[in-house]
Amino acid sequence: MSTGAILRRTVLRGTALTGATLAGADLSDADLQDAALSGADLRGAQLSNVRNWSRIQSMSGARIGGVRNAPPGFVEFARRQGAIEGG
């Protein structure tokens, strides 16, 4: 399931990651403001200290099962945006 992508400390502001395979990726300290994550596969992704997650543009259909070290409130925010934990 792991993509091996290392995106630590990257600025992903406004980036279109719609449908991206980020399963197992390391997004520690990444800035996600206005990123589009609809349909992205984030299963098992490392989310330590991810920044501006509450300003993600879209997460509809994103798969978030098993995300690691998500900031408090991230999973609930993602669910409200239409993310799913299964699949």
PDB file of N, CA and C in Angstrom:
ATOM      1  N   MET A   1       0.813  -1.196   0.000  1.00  0.00           N
ATOM      2  CA  MET A   1       0.000   0.000   0.000  1.00  0.00           C
ATOM      3  C   MET A   1       0.853   1.255   0.000  1.00  0.00           C
ATOM      4  N   SER A   2       2.077   1.201   0.434  1.00  0.00           N
ATOM      5  CA  SER A   2       2.900   2.391   0.557  1.00  0.00           C
ATOM      6  C   SER A   2       3.439   2.841  -0.794  1.00  0.00           C
ATOM      7  N   THR A   3       3.356   4.146  -1.036  1.00  0.00           N
ATOM      8  CA  THR A   3       3.933   4.708  -2.249  1.00  0.00           C
ATOM      9  C   THR A   3       5.391   5.063  -2.019  1.00  0.00           C
ATOM     10  N   GLY A   4       5.757   5.230  -0.752  1.00  0.00           N
ATOM     11  CA  GLY A   4       7.116   5.636  -0.435  1.00  0.00           C
ATOM     12  C   GLY A   4       7.365   7.110  -0.667  1.00  0.00           C
ATOM     13  N   ALA A   5       6.330   7.859  -1.033  1.00  0.00           N
ATOM     14  CA  ALA A   5       6.503   9.286  -1.291  1.00  0.00           C
ATOM     15  C   ALA A   5       6.877  10.011  -0.005  1.00  0.00           C
ATOM     16  N   ILE A   6       7.921  10.794  -0.078  1.00  0.00           N
ATOM     17  CA  ILE A   6       8.348  11.598   1.062  1.00  0.00           C
ATOM     18  C   ILE A   6       8.093  13.053   0.704  1.00  0.00           C
ATOM     19  N   LEU A   7       7.086  13.612   1.360  1.00  0.00           N
ATOM     20  CA  LEU A   7       6.669  14.986   1.086  1.00  0.00           C
ATOM     21  C   LEU A   7       6.761  15.842   2.343  1.00  0.00           C
ATOM     22  N   ARG A   8       7.684  15.494   3.224  1.00  0.00           N
ATOM     23  CA  ARG A   8       7.875  16.254   4.461  1.00  0.00           C
ATOM     24  C   ARG A   8       8.203  17.700   4.148  1.00  0.00           C
ATOM     25  N   ARG A   9       7.580  18.584   4.934  1.00  0.00           N
ATOM     26  CA  ARG A   9       7.846  20.023   4.875  1.00  0.00           C
ATOM     27  C   ARG A   9       7.607  20.647   3.497  1.00  0.00           C
ATOM     28  N   THR A  10       6.813  19.991   2.666  1.00  0.00           N
ATOM     29  CA  THR A  10       6.515  20.563   1.354  1.00  0.00           C
ATOM     30  C   THR A  10       5.363  21.555   1.457  1.00  0.00           C
ATOM     31  N   VAL A  11       5.360  22.514   0.574  1.00  0.00           N
ATOM     32  CA  VAL A  11       4.273  23.478   0.488  1.00  0.00           C
ATOM     33  C   VAL A  11       3.370  23.002  -0.642  1.00  0.00           C
ATOM     34  N   LEU A  12       2.216  22.482  -0.259  1.00  0.00           N
ATOM     35  CA  LEU A  12       1.259  21.955  -1.235  1.00  0.00           C
ATOM     36  C   LEU A  12       0.049  22.877  -1.370  1.00  0.00           C
ATOM     37  N   ARG A  13       0.214  24.134  -1.020  1.00  0.00           N
ATOM     38  CA  ARG A  13      -0.873  25.110  -1.085  1.00  0.00           C
ATOM     39  C   ARG A  13      -1.451  25.175  -2.493  1.00  0.00           C
ATOM     40  N   GLY A  14      -2.759  24.971  -2.564  1.00  0.00           N
ATOM     41  CA  GLY A  14      -3.454  25.087  -3.836  1.00  0.00           C
ATOM     42  C   GLY A  14      -3.152  23.979  -4.837  1.00  0.00           C
ATOM     43  N   THR A  15      -2.447  22.960  -4.407  1.00  0.00           N
ATOM     44  CA  THR A  15      -2.074  21.872  -5.315  1.00  0.00           C
ATOM     45  C   THR A  15      -3.255  20.950  -5.588  1.00  0.00           C
ATOM     46  N   ALA A  16      -3.429  20.574  -6.836  1.00  0.00           N
ATOM     47  CA  ALA A  16      -4.485  19.633  -7.215  1.00  0.00           C
ATOM     48  C   ALA A  16      -3.938  18.214  -7.042  1.00  0.00           C
ATOM     49  N   LEU A  17      -4.353  17.559  -5.967  1.00  0.00           N
ATOM     50  CA  LEU A  17      -3.962  16.183  -5.687  1.00  0.00           C
ATOM     51  C   LEU A  17      -5.169  15.263  -5.817  1.00  0.00           C
ATOM     52  N   THR A  18      -6.138  15.683  -6.611  1.00  0.00           N
ATOM     53  CA  THR A  18      -7.355  14.919  -6.827  1.00  0.00           C
ATOM     54  C   THR A  18      -7.006  13.546  -7.390  1.00  0.00           C
ATOM     55  N   GLY A  19      -7.441  12.507  -6.678  1.00  0.00           N
ATOM     56  CA  GLY A  19      -7.208  11.140  -7.115  1.00  0.00           C
ATOM     57  C   GLY A  19      -5.779  10.649  -6.928  1.00  0.00           C
ATOM     58  N   ALA A  20      -4.935  11.424  -6.274  1.00  0.00           N
ATOM     59  CA  ALA A  20      -3.531  11.033  -6.088  1.00  0.00           C
ATOM     60  C   ALA A  20      -3.398   9.824  -5.173  1.00  0.00           C
ATOM     61  N   THR A  21      -2.412   8.991  -5.449  1.00  0.00           N
ATOM     62  CA  THR A  21      -2.097   7.860  -4.589  1.00  0.00           C
ATOM     63  C   THR A  21      -1.021   8.299  -3.614  1.00  0.00           C
ATOM     64  N   LEU A  22      -1.442   8.568  -2.375  1.00  0.00           N
ATOM     65  CA  LEU A  22      -0.536   9.010  -1.323  1.00  0.00           C
ATOM     66  C   LEU A  22      -0.551   8.036  -0.153  1.00  0.00           C
ATOM     67  N   ALA A  23      -0.981   6.813  -0.420  1.00  0.00           N
ATOM     68  CA  ALA A  23      -1.040   5.796   0.634  1.00  0.00           C
ATOM     69  C   ALA A  23       0.356   5.573   1.192  1.00  0.00           C
ATOM     70  N   GLY A  24       0.490   5.684   2.509  1.00  0.00           N
ATOM     71  CA  GLY A  24       1.766   5.479   3.168  1.00  0.00           C
ATOM     72  C   GLY A  24       2.757   6.611   3.001  1.00  0.00           C
ATOM     73  N   ALA A  25       2.353   7.694   2.367  1.00  0.00           N
ATOM     74  CA  ALA A  25       3.267   8.818   2.150  1.00  0.00           C
ATOM     75  C   ALA A  25       3.560   9.543   3.461  1.00  0.00           C
ATOM     76  N   ASP A  26       4.701  10.194   3.523  1.00  0.00           N
ATOM     77  CA  ASP A  26       5.066  11.005   4.676  1.00  0.00           C
ATOM     78  C   ASP A  26       4.789  12.463   4.349  1.00  0.00           C
ATOM     79  N   LEU A  27       3.729  12.986   4.944  1.00  0.00           N
ATOM     80  CA  LEU A  27       3.327  14.376   4.745  1.00  0.00           C
ATOM     81  C   LEU A  27       3.616  15.213   5.987  1.00  0.00           C
ATOM     82  N   SER A  28       4.504  14.753   6.839  1.00  0.00           N
ATOM     83  CA  SER A  28       4.830  15.470   8.074  1.00  0.00           C
ATOM     84  C   SER A  28       5.211  16.915   7.768  1.00  0.00           C
ATOM     85  N   ASP A  29       4.618  17.838   8.510  1.00  0.00           N
ATOM     86  CA  ASP A  29       4.908  19.271   8.408  1.00  0.00           C
ATOM     87  C   ASP A  29       4.553  19.884   7.051  1.00  0.00           C
ATOM     88  N   ALA A  30       3.814  19.162   6.203  1.00  0.00           N
ATOM     89  CA  ALA A  30       3.410  19.718   4.905  1.00  0.00           C
ATOM     90  C   ALA A  30       2.323  20.763   5.107  1.00  0.00           C
ATOM     91  N   ASP A  31       2.293  21.755   4.240  1.00  0.00           N
ATOM     92  CA  ASP A  31       1.274  22.811   4.264  1.00  0.00           C
ATOM     93  C   ASP A  31       0.205  22.448   3.231  1.00  0.00           C
ATOM     94  N   LEU A  32      -1.011  22.160   3.718  1.00  0.00           N
ATOM     95  CA  LEU A  32      -2.092  21.697   2.836  1.00  0.00           C
ATOM     96  C   LEU A  32      -3.158  22.753   2.551  1.00  0.00           C
ATOM     97  N   GLN A  33      -2.879  23.997   2.845  1.00  0.00           N
ATOM     98  CA  GLN A  33      -3.880  25.035   2.615  1.00  0.00           C
ATOM     99  C   GLN A  33      -4.337  25.045   1.163  1.00  0.00           C
ATOM    100  N   ASP A  34      -5.655  25.005   0.979  1.00  0.00           N
ATOM    101  CA  ASP A  34      -6.308  25.059  -0.335  1.00  0.00           C
ATOM    102  C   ASP A  34      -5.953  23.898  -1.269  1.00  0.00           C
ATOM    103  N   ALA A  35      -5.353  22.832  -0.739  1.00  0.00           N
ATOM    104  CA  ALA A  35      -5.074  21.648  -1.563  1.00  0.00           C
ATOM    105  C   ALA A  35      -6.386  20.939  -1.885  1.00  0.00           C
ATOM    106  N   ALA A  36      -6.482  20.376  -3.069  1.00  0.00           N
ATOM    107  CA  ALA A  36      -7.653  19.603  -3.491  1.00  0.00           C
ATOM    108  C   ALA A  36      -7.300  18.125  -3.362  1.00  0.00           C
ATOM    109  N   LEU A  37      -7.939  17.429  -2.425  1.00  0.00           N
ATOM    110  CA  LEU A  37      -7.632  16.028  -2.142  1.00  0.00           C
ATOM    111  C   LEU A  37      -8.805  15.098  -2.426  1.00  0.00           C
ATOM    112  N   SER A  38      -9.787  15.543  -3.186  1.00  0.00           N
ATOM    113  CA  SER A  38     -10.929  14.692  -3.499  1.00  0.00           C
ATOM    114  C   SER A  38     -10.466  13.423  -4.193  1.00  0.00           C
ATOM    115  N   GLY A  39     -10.928  12.285  -3.678  1.00  0.00           N
ATOM    116  CA  GLY A  39     -10.595  11.001  -4.264  1.00  0.00           C
ATOM    117  C   GLY A  39      -9.169  10.532  -4.023  1.00  0.00           C
ATOM    118  N   ALA A  40      -8.381  11.300  -3.266  1.00  0.00           N
ATOM    119  CA  ALA A  40      -6.996  10.898  -3.000  1.00  0.00           C
ATOM    120  C   ALA A  40      -6.962   9.714  -2.034  1.00  0.00           C
ATOM    121  N   ASP A  41      -5.970   8.868  -2.191  1.00  0.00           N
ATOM    122  CA  ASP A  41      -5.776   7.727  -1.305  1.00  0.00           C
ATOM    123  C   ASP A  41      -4.710   8.094  -0.282  1.00  0.00           C
ATOM    124  N   LEU A  42      -5.157   8.373   0.950  1.00  0.00           N
ATOM    125  CA  LEU A  42      -4.254   8.762   2.033  1.00  0.00           C
ATOM    126  C   LEU A  42      -4.108   7.664   3.075  1.00  0.00           C
ATOM    127  N   ARG A  43      -4.536   6.453   2.742  1.00  0.00           N
ATOM    128  CA  ARG A  43      -4.490   5.371   3.725  1.00  0.00           C
ATOM    129  C   ARG A  43      -3.071   5.167   4.238  1.00  0.00           C
ATOM    130  N   GLY A  44      -2.950   5.208   5.564  1.00  0.00           N
ATOM    131  CA  GLY A  44      -1.664   4.978   6.202  1.00  0.00           C
ATOM    132  C   GLY A  44      -0.676   6.124   6.087  1.00  0.00           C
ATOM    133  N   ALA A  45      -1.091   7.266   5.554  1.00  0.00           N
ATOM    134  CA  ALA A  45      -0.180   8.405   5.415  1.00  0.00           C
ATOM    135  C   ALA A  45       0.209   8.963   6.779  1.00  0.00           C
ATOM    136  N   GLN A  46       1.428   9.433   6.884  1.00  0.00           N
ATOM    137  CA  GLN A  46       1.951  10.070   8.093  1.00  0.00           C
ATOM    138  C   GLN A  46       1.594  11.551   8.034  1.00  0.00           C
ATOM    139  N   LEU A  47       0.833  12.019   9.042  1.00  0.00           N
ATOM    140  CA  LEU A  47       0.350  13.397   9.027  1.00  0.00           C
ATOM    141  C   LEU A  47       0.834  14.214  10.226  1.00  0.00           C
ATOM    142  N   SER A  48       1.965  13.856  10.801  1.00  0.00           N
ATOM    143  CA  SER A  48       2.505  14.591  11.952  1.00  0.00           C
ATOM    144  C   SER A  48       2.690  16.067  11.623  1.00  0.00           C
ATOM    145  N   ASN A  49       2.117  16.903  12.449  1.00  0.00           N
ATOM    146  CA  ASN A  49       2.282  18.363  12.344  1.00  0.00           C
ATOM    147  C   ASN A  49       1.897  18.947  10.990  1.00  0.00           C
ATOM    148  N   VAL A  50       1.007  18.250  10.264  1.00  0.00           N
ATOM    149  CA  VAL A  50       0.562  18.790   8.980  1.00  0.00           C
ATOM    150  C   VAL A  50      -0.079  20.160   9.251  1.00  0.00           C
ATOM    151  N   ARG A  51       0.203  21.127   8.393  1.00  0.00           N
ATOM    152  CA  ARG A  51      -0.230  22.503   8.623  1.00  0.00           C
ATOM    153  C   ARG A  51      -1.401  22.899   7.718  1.00  0.00           C
ATOM    154  N   ASN A  52      -2.233  23.781   8.234  1.00  0.00           N
ATOM    155  CA  ASN A  52      -3.374  24.349   7.508  1.00  0.00           C
ATOM    156  C   ASN A  52      -4.343  23.308   6.970  1.00  0.00           C
ATOM    157  N   TRP A  53      -4.420  22.154   7.640  1.00  0.00           N
ATOM    158  CA  TRP A  53      -5.322  21.094   7.201  1.00  0.00           C
ATOM    159  C   TRP A  53      -6.778  21.524   7.250  1.00  0.00           C
ATOM    160  N   SER A  54      -7.133  22.432   8.158  1.00  0.00           N
ATOM    161  CA  SER A  54      -8.530  22.870   8.247  1.00  0.00           C
ATOM    162  C   SER A  54      -8.913  23.796   7.097  1.00  0.00           C
ATOM    163  N   ARG A  55      -7.955  24.094   6.227  1.00  0.00           N
ATOM    164  CA  ARG A  55      -8.214  24.938   5.063  1.00  0.00           C
ATOM    165  C   ARG A  55      -8.043  24.162   3.759  1.00  0.00           C
ATOM    166  N   ILE A  56      -8.066  22.824   3.872  1.00  0.00           N
ATOM    167  CA  ILE A  56      -8.033  21.991   2.663  1.00  0.00           C
ATOM    168  C   ILE A  56      -9.285  22.306   1.849  1.00  0.00           C
ATOM    169  N   GLN A  57      -9.134  22.446   0.568  1.00  0.00           N
ATOM    170  CA  GLN A  57     -10.235  22.834  -0.312  1.00  0.00           C
ATOM    171  C   GLN A  57     -11.296  21.749  -0.442  1.00  0.00           C
ATOM    172  N   SER A  58     -10.881  20.505  -0.654  1.00  0.00           N
ATOM    173  CA  SER A  58     -11.852  19.428  -0.849  1.00  0.00           C
ATOM    174  C   SER A  58     -11.250  18.080  -0.471  1.00  0.00           C
ATOM    175  N   MET A  59     -12.123  17.204   0.074  1.00  0.00           N
ATOM    176  CA  MET A  59     -11.700  15.857   0.450  1.00  0.00           C
ATOM    177  C   MET A  59     -12.759  14.818   0.122  1.00  0.00           C
ATOM    178  N   SER A  60     -13.730  15.171  -0.677  1.00  0.00           N
ATOM    179  CA  SER A  60     -14.813  14.260  -1.008  1.00  0.00           C
ATOM    180  C   SER A  60     -14.268  12.969  -1.618  1.00  0.00           C
ATOM    181  N   GLY A  61     -14.612  11.845  -1.012  1.00  0.00           N
ATOM    182  CA  GLY A  61     -14.189  10.547  -1.512  1.00  0.00           C
ATOM    183  C   GLY A  61     -12.751  10.179  -1.209  1.00  0.00           C
ATOM    184  N   ALA A  62     -12.027  11.041  -0.504  1.00  0.00           N
ATOM    185  CA  ALA A  62     -10.644  10.713  -0.127  1.00  0.00           C
ATOM    186  C   ALA A  62     -10.672   9.545   0.852  1.00  0.00           C
ATOM    187  N   ARG A  63      -9.720   8.639   0.729  1.00  0.00           N
ATOM    188  CA  ARG A  63      -9.647   7.490   1.635  1.00  0.00           C
ATOM    189  C   ARG A  63      -8.622   7.793   2.725  1.00  0.00           C
ATOM    190  N   ILE A  64      -9.092   7.794   3.974  1.00  0.00           N
ATOM    191  CA  ILE A  64      -8.244   8.220   5.085  1.00  0.00           C
ATOM    192  C   ILE A  64      -8.017   7.124   6.131  1.00  0.00           C
ATOM    193  N   GLY A  65      -8.417   5.902   5.842  1.00  0.00           N
ATOM    194  CA  GLY A  65      -8.251   4.813   6.801  1.00  0.00           C
ATOM    195  C   GLY A  65      -6.798   4.633   7.208  1.00  0.00           C
ATOM    196  N   GLY A  66      -6.554   4.555   8.506  1.00  0.00           N
ATOM    197  CA  GLY A  66      -5.225   4.273   9.024  1.00  0.00           C
ATOM    198  C   GLY A  66      -4.230   5.412   8.934  1.00  0.00           C
ATOM    199  N   VAL A  67      -4.710   6.656   8.692  1.00  0.00           N
ATOM    200  CA  VAL A  67      -3.750   7.764   8.698  1.00  0.00           C
ATOM    201  C   VAL A  67      -3.049   7.781  10.051  1.00  0.00           C
ATOM    202  N   ARG A  68      -1.777   8.114  10.043  1.00  0.00           N
ATOM    203  CA  ARG A  68      -0.967   8.070  11.262  1.00  0.00           C
ATOM    204  C   ARG A  68      -0.653   9.474  11.762  1.00  0.00           C
ATOM    205  N   ASN A  69      -0.785   9.625  13.078  1.00  0.00           N
ATOM    206  CA  ASN A  69      -0.434  10.876  13.767  1.00  0.00           C
ATOM    207  C   ASN A  69      -1.146  12.099  13.196  1.00  0.00           C
ATOM    208  N   ALA A  70      -2.412  11.915  12.840  1.00  0.00           N
ATOM    209  CA  ALA A  70      -3.206  13.046  12.342  1.00  0.00           C
ATOM    210  C   ALA A  70      -3.417  14.053  13.472  1.00  0.00           C
ATOM    211  N   PRO A  71      -3.411  15.337  13.154  1.00  0.00           N
ATOM    212  CA  PRO A  71      -3.664  16.341  14.183  1.00  0.00           C
ATOM    213  C   PRO A  71      -5.065  16.159  14.776  1.00  0.00           C
ATOM    214  N   PRO A  72      -5.248  16.548  16.031  1.00  0.00           N
ATOM    215  CA  PRO A  72      -6.578  16.457  16.636  1.00  0.00           C
ATOM    216  C   PRO A  72      -7.612  17.182  15.769  1.00  0.00           C
ATOM    217  N   GLY A  73      -8.695  16.506  15.468  1.00  0.00           N
ATOM    218  CA  GLY A  73      -9.776  17.084  14.670  1.00  0.00           C
ATOM    219  C   GLY A  73      -9.678  16.811  13.178  1.00  0.00           C
ATOM    220  N   PHE A  74      -8.534  16.311  12.706  1.00  0.00           N
ATOM    221  CA  PHE A  74      -8.364  16.102  11.269  1.00  0.00           C
ATOM    222  C   PHE A  74      -9.349  15.083  10.708  1.00  0.00           C
ATOM    223  N   VAL A  75      -9.453  13.928  11.354  1.00  0.00           N
ATOM    224  CA  VAL A  75     -10.321  12.861  10.838  1.00  0.00           C
ATOM    225  C   VAL A  75     -11.770  13.334  10.801  1.00  0.00           C
ATOM    226  N   GLU A  76     -12.207  14.016  11.840  1.00  0.00           N
ATOM    227  CA  GLU A  76     -13.582  14.528  11.872  1.00  0.00           C
ATOM    228  C   GLU A  76     -13.801  15.546  10.760  1.00  0.00           C
ATOM    229  N   PHE A  77     -12.837  16.438  10.557  1.00  0.00           N
ATOM    230  CA  PHE A  77     -12.917  17.423   9.483  1.00  0.00           C
ATOM    231  C   PHE A  77     -13.026  16.715   8.128  1.00  0.00           C
ATOM    232  N   ALA A  78     -12.171  15.724   7.925  1.00  0.00           N
ATOM    233  CA  ALA A  78     -12.162  14.991   6.662  1.00  0.00           C
ATOM    234  C   ALA A  78     -13.502  14.301   6.418  1.00  0.00           C
ATOM    235  N   ARG A  79     -14.055  13.682   7.450  1.00  0.00           N
ATOM    236  CA  ARG A  79     -15.370  13.033   7.308  1.00  0.00           C
ATOM    237  C   ARG A  79     -16.439  14.039   6.912  1.00  0.00           C
ATOM    238  N   ARG A  80     -16.431  15.205   7.545  1.00  0.00           N
ATOM    239  CA  ARG A  80     -17.417  16.244   7.200  1.00  0.00           C
ATOM    240  C   ARG A  80     -17.270  16.695   5.748  1.00  0.00           C
ATOM    241  N   GLN A  81     -16.062  16.603   5.218  1.00  0.00           N
ATOM    242  CA  GLN A  81     -15.806  16.975   3.833  1.00  0.00           C
ATOM    243  C   GLN A  81     -16.152  15.849   2.850  1.00  0.00           C
ATOM    244  N   GLY A  82     -16.504  14.672   3.388  1.00  0.00           N
ATOM    245  CA  GLY A  82     -16.896  13.555   2.523  1.00  0.00           C
ATOM    246  C   GLY A  82     -15.848  12.475   2.373  1.00  0.00           C
ATOM    247  N   ALA A  83     -14.780  12.542   3.163  1.00  0.00           N
ATOM    248  CA  ALA A  83     -13.761  11.484   3.133  1.00  0.00           C
ATOM    249  C   ALA A  83     -14.317  10.211   3.742  1.00  0.00           C
ATOM    250  N   ILE A  84     -13.739   9.085   3.370  1.00  0.00           N
ATOM    251  CA  ILE A  84     -14.192   7.802   3.881  1.00  0.00           C
ATOM    252  C   ILE A  84     -13.018   7.051   4.510  1.00  0.00           C
ATOM    253  N   GLU A  85     -13.312   6.268   5.523  1.00  0.00           N
ATOM    254  CA  GLU A  85     -12.245   5.536   6.200  1.00  0.00           C
ATOM    255  C   GLU A  85     -12.025   4.152   5.613  1.00  0.00           C
ATOM    256  N   GLY A  86     -13.017   3.567   5.018  1.00  0.00           N
ATOM    257  CA  GLY A  86     -12.869   2.235   4.442  1.00  0.00           C
ATOM    258  C   GLY A  86     -12.398   2.281   3.006  1.00  0.00           C
ATOM    259  N   GLY A  87     -12.301   1.105   2.401  1.00  0.00           N
ATOM    260  CA  GLY A  87     -12.020   0.999   0.976  1.00  0.00           C
ATOM    261  C   GLY A  87     -10.639   1.325   0.619  1.00  0.00           C
TER     262      GLY A  87
END
